[in-house]
Protein backbone atom coordinates (compact mmCIF):
# COMPACT_ATOMS: atom_id res chain seq x y z
CA MET A 1 19.01 124.01 38.35
CA LYS A 2 16.41 121.34 39.12
CA LYS A 3 17.04 121.74 42.86
CA ILE A 4 16.36 125.46 42.66
CA SER A 5 13.15 124.91 40.65
CA ILE A 6 11.83 122.33 43.12
CA LEU A 7 12.68 124.55 46.09
CA THR A 8 10.99 127.50 44.44
CA LEU A 9 7.88 125.41 43.75
CA VAL A 10 7.75 124.17 47.35
CA ALA A 11 8.10 127.73 48.62
CA VAL A 12 5.45 129.15 46.26
CA LEU A 13 2.70 126.51 46.70
CA PRO A 14 1.64 127.62 50.20
CA ILE A 15 1.40 131.20 48.95
CA CYS A 16 -0.86 130.09 46.08
CA GLY A 17 -3.18 128.45 48.58
CA ALA A 18 -3.34 131.63 50.64
CA VAL A 19 -4.09 133.74 47.57
CA ALA A 20 -6.85 131.35 46.48
CA GLY A 21 -8.54 131.88 49.84
CA PRO A 22 -9.76 129.46 52.46
CA GLY A 23 -12.29 127.76 50.17
CA LYS A 24 -15.75 126.77 51.23
CA MET A 25 -16.07 125.87 54.88
CA ALA A 26 -18.18 122.83 53.96
CA ASN A 27 -15.46 121.43 51.67
CA ASN A 28 -12.82 121.90 54.36
CA ASN A 29 -15.08 120.16 56.87
CA MET A 30 -15.61 117.16 54.59
CA ASN A 31 -11.94 116.89 53.58
CA ASN A 32 -10.64 117.14 57.16
CA ASN A 33 -13.02 114.49 58.46
CA MET A 34 -12.48 112.15 55.51
CA MET A 35 -8.74 112.20 56.25
CA ASN A 36 -9.54 111.12 59.83
CA ASN A 37 -11.94 108.38 58.61
CA GLN A 38 -14.81 110.12 60.41
CA PRO A 39 -18.06 111.32 58.91
CA ALA A 40 -18.18 115.09 58.60
CA VAL A 41 -20.34 116.77 61.24
CA TRP A 42 -22.09 119.65 59.52
CA THR A 43 -23.51 122.81 61.06
CA VAL A 44 -26.85 124.26 60.00
CA THR A 45 -25.03 127.11 58.25
CA GLU A 46 -22.89 124.68 56.23
CA VAL A 47 -25.86 122.49 55.30
CA MET A 48 -27.70 125.45 53.79
CA SER A 49 -25.07 125.67 51.03
CA LEU A 50 -24.90 121.94 50.23
CA PRO A 51 -26.61 120.45 47.17
CA ASP A 52 -29.76 118.32 47.29
CA GLU A 53 -29.31 114.71 48.42
CA THR A 54 -25.96 115.35 50.16
CA PRO A 55 -25.55 112.92 53.09
CA VAL A 56 -24.99 114.78 56.36
CA VAL A 57 -24.30 114.15 60.03
CA MET A 58 -25.36 116.91 62.43
CA ARG A 59 -25.09 117.40 66.21
CA GLY A 60 -27.44 119.59 68.17
CA ARG A 61 -30.89 119.68 69.78
CA ILE A 62 -34.35 118.99 68.46
CA THR A 63 -36.24 121.92 69.94
CA ARG A 64 -39.78 121.65 68.61
CA ASN A 65 -42.28 119.24 67.10
CA MET A 66 -44.15 121.02 64.30
CA GLY A 67 -46.46 118.05 63.61
CA ASN A 68 -46.61 115.67 60.63
CA ASN A 69 -43.08 114.33 61.38
CA ILE A 70 -41.50 117.81 60.99
CA PHE A 71 -39.15 118.97 63.76
CA VAL A 72 -36.97 122.01 64.37
CA PHE A 73 -33.26 121.22 64.87
CA GLU A 74 -30.85 123.73 66.39
CA ASP A 75 -27.09 123.96 66.72
CA ASN A 76 -24.77 126.88 67.53
CA SER A 77 -25.06 128.22 63.97
CA GLY A 78 -28.84 128.25 63.50
CA THR A 79 -31.99 126.20 62.99
CA ILE A 80 -33.32 123.93 60.25
CA MET A 81 -36.42 121.81 59.72
CA MET A 82 -36.07 118.03 59.72
CA GLU A 83 -38.44 115.30 58.62
CA ILE A 84 -38.14 112.46 61.12
CA GLU A 85 -40.32 109.38 60.64
CA GLU A 86 -41.17 107.20 63.66
CA GLU A 87 -38.68 104.45 62.74
CA ASP A 88 -35.84 107.02 62.43
CA TRP A 89 -35.90 107.59 66.21
CA ASN A 90 -34.51 104.06 66.77
CA GLY A 91 -36.59 103.72 69.95
CA ASN A 92 -34.94 106.81 71.51
CA THR A 93 -36.92 109.22 73.64
CA VAL A 94 -35.42 112.67 73.09
CA ARG A 95 -36.04 115.70 75.28
CA VAL A 96 -35.41 119.32 74.27
CA ASP A 97 -32.17 119.53 76.29
CA ASP A 98 -30.70 116.32 74.83
CA ILE A 99 -27.82 116.62 72.37
CA VAL A 100 -28.40 114.21 69.49
CA THR A 101 -26.57 113.11 66.38
CA VAL A 102 -28.73 113.09 63.27
CA TYR A 103 -27.88 111.18 60.09
CA GLY A 104 -29.75 112.16 56.95
CA ASN A 105 -29.77 113.82 53.55
CA VAL A 106 -30.21 117.40 52.44
CA ASP A 107 -33.63 117.99 50.87
CA LYS A 108 -33.66 121.18 48.80
CA GLY A 109 -36.72 122.66 47.22
CA GLN A 110 -37.21 125.93 45.40
CA ASN A 111 -37.90 127.86 48.62
CA TYR A 112 -36.62 125.60 51.39
CA THR A 113 -33.80 123.43 52.70
CA GLU A 114 -34.49 120.69 55.23
CA ILE A 115 -33.03 117.37 56.30
CA ASP A 116 -34.65 114.04 55.50
CA VAL A 117 -33.50 112.08 58.56
CA GLU A 118 -32.43 108.44 58.37
CA SER A 119 -31.45 107.99 62.02
CA VAL A 120 -31.37 109.86 65.35
CA VAL A 121 -28.82 108.78 68.00
CA ARG A 122 -28.89 110.11 71.54
């Protein structure tokens, strides 16, 4: 009887996962990368749903300097504002066409979401 119960449980678990749905894309991204011992690389779309102060790694292009250390970052999913202080550039000169990796934290306000950048790597 125990063998039948265990087999039934093993057969039913994948179905339960399918019924529950795919879950949040952001959680899947983090879980998959943590299993590979790699930091999760987030898209702009995913970052928009993350809570304040969440550490993120993003890959894309910095497309515009808005002044006062505010820059526009773009990936295939959209754009987001980033605050990048002079020391965060790590001596890199970045052009609009350059793909960069940005390390930072989500900064959420009442009417905005941006990234407070810690480091930019070209």
